[in-house]
Amino acid sequence: MNEISVVELKKMFDQNENFVLLDVRENEELQIAQVKPHNHIPMGQIPERIDELDKDDSYIVMCHSGMRSARVCQYLEGQGYNVKNLNGGIDSWSVNIDPTVPRY
């Protein structure tokens, strides 16, 4: 599975690269902290909502620490999607990129 660091993600945002940030955390977590722009599909809903994802897009998948998103990446890779896991998730983003994003 391909992974990407929060530093690499920040560069992608800064360079306006073409990708979709897919946040697979639960609704309650999204209310605490977010990285925008993003698409949100909770991990448990991915199989039933997979038609919302375009196989022509590149996805960076994120969760809180990178564990759930890694599982989603494995699933989506098996379905033919181009995905990368955000190593460290939103927690790493808060620590290393944007300290205004609350940690939880």
N, C-alpha and C. Protein backbone atom coordinates (compact mmCIF):
# COMPACT_ATOMS: atom_id res chain seq x y z
N MET A 1 0.84 -1.18 0.00
CA MET A 1 0.00 0.00 0.00
C MET A 1 0.88 1.24 0.00
N ASN A 2 0.50 2.20 -0.82
CA ASN A 2 1.21 3.46 -0.87
C ASN A 2 0.80 4.34 0.29
N GLU A 3 1.78 5.06 0.86
CA GLU A 3 1.51 5.99 1.94
C GLU A 3 2.07 7.36 1.57
N ILE A 4 1.53 8.36 2.23
CA ILE A 4 1.97 9.73 2.03
C ILE A 4 2.05 10.38 3.41
N SER A 5 3.03 11.26 3.58
CA SER A 5 3.16 11.98 4.85
C SER A 5 2.32 13.25 4.82
N VAL A 6 2.09 13.81 5.99
CA VAL A 6 1.33 15.06 6.05
C VAL A 6 2.09 16.19 5.37
N VAL A 7 3.42 16.15 5.41
CA VAL A 7 4.24 17.17 4.73
C VAL A 7 4.01 17.07 3.21
N GLU A 8 3.99 15.85 2.69
CA GLU A 8 3.73 15.65 1.26
C GLU A 8 2.31 16.10 0.91
N LEU A 9 1.34 15.82 1.77
CA LEU A 9 -0.03 16.25 1.53
C LEU A 9 -0.12 17.77 1.49
N LYS A 10 0.54 18.43 2.41
CA LYS A 10 0.55 19.90 2.44
C LYS A 10 1.11 20.45 1.13
N LYS A 11 2.19 19.85 0.63
CA LYS A 11 2.76 20.29 -0.66
C LYS A 11 1.76 20.09 -1.78
N MET A 12 1.04 18.99 -1.76
CA MET A 12 0.03 18.74 -2.79
C MET A 12 -1.06 19.81 -2.76
N PHE A 13 -1.51 20.19 -1.56
CA PHE A 13 -2.50 21.27 -1.43
C PHE A 13 -1.90 22.57 -1.97
N ASP A 14 -0.67 22.89 -1.54
CA ASP A 14 -0.02 24.14 -1.93
C ASP A 14 0.18 24.24 -3.44
N GLN A 15 0.42 23.10 -4.08
CA GLN A 15 0.67 23.08 -5.53
C GLN A 15 -0.60 22.82 -6.34
N ASN A 16 -1.74 22.82 -5.64
CA ASN A 16 -3.04 22.61 -6.29
C ASN A 16 -3.06 21.34 -7.15
N GLU A 17 -2.45 20.28 -6.63
CA GLU A 17 -2.46 19.01 -7.35
C GLU A 17 -3.87 18.44 -7.37
N ASN A 18 -4.12 17.61 -8.35
CA ASN A 18 -5.46 17.04 -8.53
C ASN A 18 -5.58 15.73 -7.76
N PHE A 19 -6.32 15.75 -6.65
CA PHE A 19 -6.57 14.57 -5.83
C PHE A 19 -7.81 14.83 -4.99
N VAL A 20 -8.31 13.75 -4.40
CA VAL A 20 -9.45 13.85 -3.47
C VAL A 20 -8.98 13.37 -2.11
N LEU A 21 -9.15 14.20 -1.09
CA LEU A 21 -8.89 13.79 0.29
C LEU A 21 -10.16 13.13 0.81
N LEU A 22 -10.06 11.84 1.08
CA LEU A 22 -11.21 11.07 1.54
C LEU A 22 -11.07 10.81 3.03
N ASP A 23 -11.93 11.43 3.82
CA ASP A 23 -11.91 11.30 5.28
C ASP A 23 -12.87 10.18 5.66
N VAL A 24 -12.35 9.14 6.31
CA VAL A 24 -13.17 7.97 6.64
C VAL A 24 -13.52 7.90 8.12
N ARG A 25 -13.32 9.01 8.85
CA ARG A 25 -13.66 9.03 10.27
C ARG A 25 -15.18 9.13 10.45
N GLU A 26 -15.61 8.96 11.68
CA GLU A 26 -17.03 9.04 12.01
C GLU A 26 -17.47 10.51 12.06
N ASN A 27 -18.79 10.73 11.94
CA ASN A 27 -19.35 12.08 11.95
C ASN A 27 -18.93 12.86 13.20
N GLU A 28 -18.92 12.20 14.36
CA GLU A 28 -18.57 12.87 15.61
C GLU A 28 -17.12 13.38 15.56
N GLU A 29 -16.24 12.62 14.95
CA GLU A 29 -14.84 13.03 14.85
C GLU A 29 -14.69 14.23 13.92
N LEU A 30 -15.49 14.24 12.86
CA LEU A 30 -15.44 15.33 11.90
C LEU A 30 -15.85 16.64 12.55
N GLN A 31 -16.75 16.56 13.53
CA GLN A 31 -17.18 17.78 14.24
C GLN A 31 -16.07 18.34 15.11
N ILE A 32 -15.11 17.53 15.51
CA ILE A 32 -14.00 17.98 16.36
C ILE A 32 -12.90 18.63 15.53
N ALA A 33 -12.53 17.97 14.43
CA ALA A 33 -11.38 18.43 13.64
C ALA A 33 -11.54 18.02 12.19
N GLN A 34 -11.12 18.91 11.27
CA GLN A 34 -11.21 18.63 9.83
C GLN A 34 -10.02 19.22 9.10
N VAL A 35 -9.70 18.59 7.98
CA VAL A 35 -8.79 19.17 7.00
C VAL A 35 -9.65 19.40 5.76
N LYS A 36 -9.68 20.61 5.29
CA LYS A 36 -10.52 20.94 4.13
C LYS A 36 -9.63 21.31 2.96
N PRO A 37 -10.11 21.06 1.75
CA PRO A 37 -11.36 20.40 1.38
C PRO A 37 -11.21 18.88 1.46
N HIS A 38 -12.32 18.21 1.70
CA HIS A 38 -12.32 16.75 1.78
C HIS A 38 -13.68 16.21 1.38
N ASN A 39 -13.70 14.94 1.04
CA ASN A 39 -14.94 14.18 0.91
C ASN A 39 -15.03 13.30 2.14
N HIS A 40 -16.24 13.08 2.63
CA HIS A 40 -16.40 12.30 3.86
C HIS A 40 -17.31 11.11 3.63
N ILE A 41 -16.75 9.92 3.84
CA ILE A 41 -17.54 8.69 3.87
C ILE A 41 -16.99 7.87 5.04
N PRO A 42 -17.76 7.70 6.11
CA PRO A 42 -17.26 6.89 7.22
C PRO A 42 -16.84 5.49 6.76
N MET A 43 -15.81 4.95 7.38
CA MET A 43 -15.23 3.69 6.97
C MET A 43 -16.28 2.60 6.77
N GLY A 44 -17.21 2.46 7.69
CA GLY A 44 -18.20 1.41 7.62
C GLY A 44 -19.18 1.55 6.46
N GLN A 45 -19.23 2.74 5.85
CA GLN A 45 -20.15 2.98 4.73
C GLN A 45 -19.48 2.86 3.36
N ILE A 46 -18.16 2.67 3.34
CA ILE A 46 -17.44 2.63 2.06
C ILE A 46 -18.02 1.58 1.11
N PRO A 47 -18.22 0.32 1.54
CA PRO A 47 -18.73 -0.67 0.57
C PRO A 47 -20.07 -0.30 -0.06
N GLU A 48 -20.97 0.26 0.73
CA GLU A 48 -22.29 0.59 0.19
C GLU A 48 -22.31 1.91 -0.57
N ARG A 49 -21.29 2.75 -0.39
CA ARG A 49 -21.23 4.05 -1.07
C ARG A 49 -20.10 4.13 -2.08
N ILE A 50 -19.52 2.99 -2.43
CA ILE A 50 -18.36 2.98 -3.31
C ILE A 50 -18.66 3.62 -4.68
N ASP A 51 -19.91 3.58 -5.10
CA ASP A 51 -20.29 4.19 -6.38
C ASP A 51 -20.11 5.70 -6.39
N GLU A 52 -19.95 6.31 -5.21
CA GLU A 52 -19.71 7.75 -5.12
C GLU A 52 -18.26 8.10 -5.46
N LEU A 53 -17.40 7.08 -5.54
CA LEU A 53 -15.98 7.29 -5.81
C LEU A 53 -15.68 7.00 -7.28
N ASP A 54 -14.96 7.90 -7.91
CA ASP A 54 -14.63 7.79 -9.33
C ASP A 54 -13.25 7.13 -9.47
N LYS A 55 -13.19 6.05 -10.21
CA LYS A 55 -11.92 5.33 -10.39
C LYS A 55 -10.88 6.16 -11.15
N ASP A 56 -11.31 7.23 -11.80
CA ASP A 56 -10.36 8.10 -12.50
C ASP A 56 -9.67 9.09 -11.57
N ASP A 57 -10.18 9.23 -10.35
CA ASP A 57 -9.59 10.15 -9.37
C ASP A 57 -8.48 9.47 -8.58
N SER A 58 -7.57 10.28 -8.04
CA SER A 58 -6.56 9.82 -7.09
C SER A 58 -7.02 10.22 -5.70
N TYR A 59 -6.94 9.27 -4.76
CA TYR A 59 -7.44 9.51 -3.41
C TYR A 59 -6.32 9.45 -2.38
N ILE A 60 -6.36 10.39 -1.44
CA ILE A 60 -5.57 10.32 -0.22
C ILE A 60 -6.60 10.01 0.86
N VAL A 61 -6.43 8.88 1.55
CA VAL A 61 -7.42 8.44 2.53
C VAL A 61 -6.89 8.75 3.92
N MET A 62 -7.72 9.39 4.74
CA MET A 62 -7.28 9.77 6.08
C MET A 62 -8.29 9.38 7.15
N CYS A 63 -7.75 9.15 8.35
CA CYS A 63 -8.57 8.92 9.54
C CYS A 63 -7.88 9.66 10.68
N HIS A 64 -8.01 9.16 11.89
CA HIS A 64 -7.39 9.82 13.04
C HIS A 64 -5.89 9.58 13.09
N SER A 65 -5.47 8.32 12.95
CA SER A 65 -4.04 8.02 13.09
C SER A 65 -3.44 7.25 11.92
N GLY A 66 -4.28 6.82 10.99
CA GLY A 66 -3.80 6.11 9.82
C GLY A 66 -4.12 4.63 9.79
N MET A 67 -4.73 4.10 10.84
CA MET A 67 -5.04 2.67 10.88
C MET A 67 -6.31 2.33 10.08
N ARG A 68 -7.38 3.04 10.35
CA ARG A 68 -8.62 2.78 9.60
C ARG A 68 -8.44 3.11 8.12
N SER A 69 -7.76 4.21 7.86
CA SER A 69 -7.57 4.59 6.46
C SER A 69 -6.72 3.55 5.72
N ALA A 70 -5.79 2.91 6.41
CA ALA A 70 -4.99 1.85 5.78
C ALA A 70 -5.89 0.69 5.37
N ARG A 71 -6.84 0.35 6.23
CA ARG A 71 -7.78 -0.74 5.89
C ARG A 71 -8.66 -0.36 4.71
N VAL A 72 -9.10 0.90 4.68
CA VAL A 72 -9.91 1.37 3.55
C VAL A 72 -9.07 1.36 2.27
N CYS A 73 -7.81 1.76 2.36
CA CYS A 73 -6.93 1.74 1.19
C CYS A 73 -6.79 0.32 0.64
N GLN A 74 -6.59 -0.64 1.52
CA GLN A 74 -6.47 -2.02 1.07
C GLN A 74 -7.73 -2.46 0.34
N TYR A 75 -8.89 -2.12 0.89
CA TYR A 75 -10.16 -2.48 0.26
C TYR A 75 -10.30 -1.80 -1.10
N LEU A 76 -10.05 -0.48 -1.14
CA LEU A 76 -10.23 0.26 -2.39
C LEU A 76 -9.22 -0.17 -3.45
N GLU A 77 -7.99 -0.46 -3.05
CA GLU A 77 -7.00 -0.97 -4.01
C GLU A 77 -7.52 -2.24 -4.66
N GLY A 78 -8.10 -3.11 -3.87
CA GLY A 78 -8.66 -4.35 -4.38
C GLY A 78 -9.81 -4.15 -5.36
N GLN A 79 -10.43 -2.97 -5.28
CA GLN A 79 -11.54 -2.63 -6.18
C GLN A 79 -11.05 -1.83 -7.39
N GLY A 80 -9.73 -1.60 -7.47
CA GLY A 80 -9.16 -0.91 -8.63
C GLY A 80 -9.00 0.59 -8.50
N TYR A 81 -9.04 1.12 -7.29
CA TYR A 81 -8.89 2.56 -7.08
C TYR A 81 -7.43 2.93 -6.84
N ASN A 82 -7.08 4.17 -7.21
CA ASN A 82 -5.75 4.72 -6.98
C ASN A 82 -5.78 5.45 -5.64
N VAL A 83 -5.19 4.84 -4.60
CA VAL A 83 -5.27 5.38 -3.25
C VAL A 83 -3.91 5.42 -2.57
N LYS A 84 -3.78 6.38 -1.66
CA LYS A 84 -2.62 6.47 -0.77
C LYS A 84 -3.14 6.71 0.64
N ASN A 85 -2.51 6.08 1.60
CA ASN A 85 -2.88 6.26 3.00
C ASN A 85 -2.13 7.45 3.59
N LEU A 86 -2.84 8.31 4.33
CA LEU A 86 -2.18 9.42 5.02
C LEU A 86 -1.59 8.90 6.31
N ASN A 87 -0.27 8.78 6.33
CA ASN A 87 0.46 8.26 7.48
C ASN A 87 0.29 9.20 8.67
N GLY A 88 -0.22 8.68 9.78
CA GLY A 88 -0.40 9.48 10.99
C GLY A 88 -1.72 10.21 11.08
N GLY A 89 -2.47 10.25 9.97
CA GLY A 89 -3.81 10.83 9.97
C GLY A 89 -3.88 12.28 10.40
N ILE A 90 -5.07 12.66 10.84
CA ILE A 90 -5.31 14.05 11.22
C ILE A 90 -4.51 14.42 12.47
N ASP A 91 -4.18 13.44 13.29
CA ASP A 91 -3.38 13.73 14.47
C ASP A 91 -2.00 14.24 14.05
N SER A 92 -1.39 13.61 13.08
CA SER A 92 -0.10 14.06 12.58
C SER A 92 -0.22 15.42 11.90
N TRP A 93 -1.33 15.65 11.21
CA TRP A 93 -1.57 16.96 10.58
C TRP A 93 -1.60 18.05 11.66
N SER A 94 -2.29 17.78 12.76
CA SER A 94 -2.38 18.76 13.85
C SER A 94 -1.01 19.05 14.46
N VAL A 95 -0.21 18.02 14.63
CA VAL A 95 1.10 18.17 15.27
C VAL A 95 2.11 18.83 14.33
N ASN A 96 2.12 18.42 13.07
CA ASN A 96 3.20 18.82 12.16
C ASN A 96 2.87 19.91 11.17
N ILE A 97 1.60 20.13 10.88
CA ILE A 97 1.23 21.09 9.84
C ILE A 97 0.40 22.26 10.39
N ASP A 98 -0.69 21.97 11.06
CA ASP A 98 -1.61 23.01 11.50
C ASP A 98 -2.06 22.81 12.94
N PRO A 99 -1.37 23.45 13.87
CA PRO A 99 -1.70 23.27 15.28
C PRO A 99 -3.06 23.85 15.67
N THR A 100 -3.73 24.58 14.77
CA THR A 100 -5.07 25.08 15.08
C THR A 100 -6.12 23.98 14.92
N VAL A 101 -5.76 22.88 14.27
CA VAL A 101 -6.68 21.73 14.15
C VAL A 101 -6.64 21.00 15.48
N PRO A 102 -7.77 20.91 16.18
CA PRO A 102 -7.78 20.30 17.51
C PRO A 102 -7.34 18.82 17.49
N ARG A 103 -6.61 18.44 18.53
CA ARG A 103 -6.23 17.03 18.71
C ARG A 103 -7.24 16.39 19.64
N TYR A 104 -7.47 15.12 19.44
CA TYR A 104 -8.41 14.39 20.30
C TYR A 104 -7.96 12.96 20.46
